[in-house]
Amino acid sequence: EAQLVESGGGLVQVGGSLRLSCAASGFSFGDYTIGWFRQAPGKEREGVCYISNTDGSTYYKDPVKGRFTVSSDNDKNTVYLQMDSLKPEETAVYYCAAGLIDLVNAAVVTGNPNLLRHLEVWGHGTQVTVSS
């Protein structure tokens, strides 16, 4: 069974850092692109960034550029999201999802729920709380 499991969330003060992990199993990790998404209370799920495990390319939404770094360890089938200089408005449940690069790119860039729905595998999310 294809599965993604996020971990590493928690409570951090404004300006602090967290590193999230997304561990994959049950599918060919190296063939997929992994996207990170977040959903704040009362808001729609939005894209954050992604990394392609086929060519290593990455993409970041403007609000997180320069503060977040996504990386992948193909030996461990795990993607990491290093988040620095966190802001209170980034309090959310963070999810990772797997799909082919074109779909993940469109889903991250647009946050279109119809696209998110078609991503093949989703994790259950990890809570990140940034206190001010």
Protein backbone atom coordinates (compact mmCIF):
# COMPACT_ATOMS: atom_id res chain seq x y z
CA GLU A 1 0.00 0.00 0.00
CA ALA A 2 1.36 3.41 -0.97
CA GLN A 3 1.88 5.55 2.09
CA LEU A 4 3.35 8.88 3.20
CA VAL A 5 3.95 9.69 6.86
CA GLU A 6 4.82 13.18 8.01
CA SER A 7 6.64 13.96 11.24
CA GLY A 8 8.59 16.74 12.90
CA GLY A 9 5.84 19.22 13.59
CA GLY A 10 5.48 20.99 16.89
CA LEU A 11 5.37 24.30 18.71
CA VAL A 12 7.99 26.89 17.87
CA GLN A 13 8.40 30.59 18.61
CA VAL A 14 8.35 33.27 15.95
CA GLY A 15 11.59 33.22 14.03
CA GLY A 16 12.31 29.65 15.00
CA SER A 17 12.96 26.59 12.86
CA LEU A 18 11.51 23.16 12.33
CA ARG A 19 12.39 20.29 10.03
CA LEU A 20 9.55 18.18 8.75
CA SER A 21 10.00 14.70 7.33
CA CYS A 22 7.86 12.83 4.83
CA ALA A 23 8.62 9.10 4.77
CA ALA A 24 7.36 7.13 1.77
CA SER A 25 6.65 3.45 1.33
CA GLY A 26 4.80 1.15 -1.04
CA PHE A 27 5.60 2.95 -4.30
CA SER A 28 8.56 3.85 -6.50
CA PHE A 29 9.72 6.91 -4.59
CA GLY A 30 12.33 7.84 -7.18
CA ASP A 31 9.73 8.17 -9.94
CA TYR A 32 7.60 10.73 -8.16
CA THR A 33 7.54 14.37 -7.21
CA ILE A 34 6.74 15.19 -3.59
CA GLY A 35 4.83 18.33 -2.80
CA TRP A 36 4.35 20.04 0.54
CA PHE A 37 1.05 21.70 1.34
CA ARG A 38 -0.40 23.38 4.39
CA GLN A 39 -3.84 24.14 5.71
CA ALA A 40 -4.45 26.78 8.33
CA PRO A 41 -7.62 26.78 10.44
CA GLY A 42 -10.57 28.00 8.38
CA LYS A 43 -8.55 28.24 5.19
CA GLU A 44 -8.13 26.13 2.09
CA ARG A 45 -5.13 23.90 1.62
CA GLU A 46 -2.33 25.69 -0.20
CA GLY A 47 0.87 24.65 -1.89
CA VAL A 48 4.23 25.38 -0.29
CA CYS A 49 6.92 23.75 -2.42
CA TYR A 50 7.94 20.55 -4.14
CA ILE A 51 10.92 18.45 -5.14
CA SER A 52 11.18 16.11 -8.08
CA ASN A 53 12.88 12.83 -7.28
CA THR A 54 13.54 12.27 -10.99
CA ASP A 55 15.72 15.30 -11.62
CA GLY A 56 16.06 17.00 -8.24
CA SER A 57 14.33 20.18 -9.36
CA THR A 58 12.60 22.24 -6.73
CA TYR A 59 9.98 24.98 -6.61
CA TYR A 60 8.93 27.30 -3.80
CA LYS A 61 5.92 29.55 -3.48
CA ASP A 62 6.93 33.18 -3.02
CA PRO A 63 5.97 33.46 0.68
CA VAL A 64 8.50 30.78 1.67
CA LYS A 65 11.33 31.48 -0.75
CA GLY A 66 14.62 31.96 1.02
CA ARG A 67 13.30 30.54 4.31
CA PHE A 68 12.19 27.01 3.45
CA THR A 69 14.37 24.32 1.90
CA VAL A 70 13.09 21.04 0.52
CA SER A 71 15.43 18.07 0.06
CA SER A 72 15.18 14.39 -0.66
CA ASP A 73 17.09 11.31 0.46
CA ASN A 74 16.32 8.61 -2.08
CA ASP A 75 18.16 5.99 0.00
CA LYS A 76 15.77 6.61 2.88
CA ASN A 77 12.70 7.31 0.71
CA THR A 78 12.25 10.49 2.70
CA VAL A 79 11.71 14.13 1.82
CA TYR A 80 12.56 16.89 4.26
CA LEU A 81 11.25 20.41 4.65
CA GLN A 82 13.54 22.72 6.59
CA MET A 83 11.57 25.75 7.73
CA ASP A 84 13.42 28.75 9.10
CA SER A 85 12.30 32.18 10.30
CA LEU A 86 8.80 30.90 10.90
CA LYS A 87 5.91 33.33 11.17
CA PRO A 88 2.68 33.04 13.21
CA GLU A 89 0.59 33.00 10.02
CA GLU A 90 2.37 29.79 9.04
CA THR A 91 0.61 27.90 11.77
CA ALA A 92 -1.07 25.06 9.93
CA VAL A 93 -1.22 21.35 9.37
CA TYR A 94 1.51 20.48 6.89
CA TYR A 95 0.96 17.66 4.42
CA CYS A 96 3.11 15.94 1.84
CA ALA A 97 1.71 14.37 -1.30
CA ALA A 98 3.11 12.40 -4.22
CA GLY A 99 2.36 12.59 -7.90
CA LEU A 100 3.88 13.11 -11.30
CA ILE A 101 5.68 16.40 -11.70
CA ASP A 102 3.20 18.22 -13.95
CA LEU A 103 0.32 17.56 -11.59
CA VAL A 104 2.29 18.37 -8.45
CA ASN A 105 3.58 21.57 -10.03
CA ALA A 106 0.07 22.70 -10.96
CA ALA A 107 -1.31 21.69 -7.57
CA VAL A 108 1.39 23.54 -5.62
CA VAL A 109 1.25 26.66 -7.79
CA THR A 110 -2.54 26.98 -7.91
CA GLY A 111 -3.81 25.11 -4.85
CA ASN A 112 -6.77 24.12 -7.00
CA PRO A 113 -8.78 21.57 -4.97
CA ASN A 114 -9.58 19.62 -8.13
CA LEU A 115 -5.87 19.13 -8.72
CA LEU A 116 -5.09 18.32 -5.11
CA ARG A 117 -7.75 15.64 -5.26
CA HIS A 118 -5.88 13.85 -8.05
CA LEU A 119 -2.57 13.56 -6.26
CA GLU A 120 -1.95 9.89 -5.81
CA VAL A 121 -0.80 9.66 -2.22
CA TRP A 122 -1.32 11.96 0.77
CA GLY A 123 0.05 11.85 4.27
CA HIS A 124 -2.12 12.55 7.30
CA GLY A 125 -0.32 15.76 8.14
CA THR A 126 1.73 17.17 11.00
CA GLN A 127 0.76 20.22 13.06
CA VAL A 128 3.06 23.24 13.07
CA THR A 129 2.26 25.98 15.55
CA VAL A 130 4.21 29.23 15.56
CA SER A 131 3.66 31.27 18.69
CA SER A 132 4.14 35.03 18.88
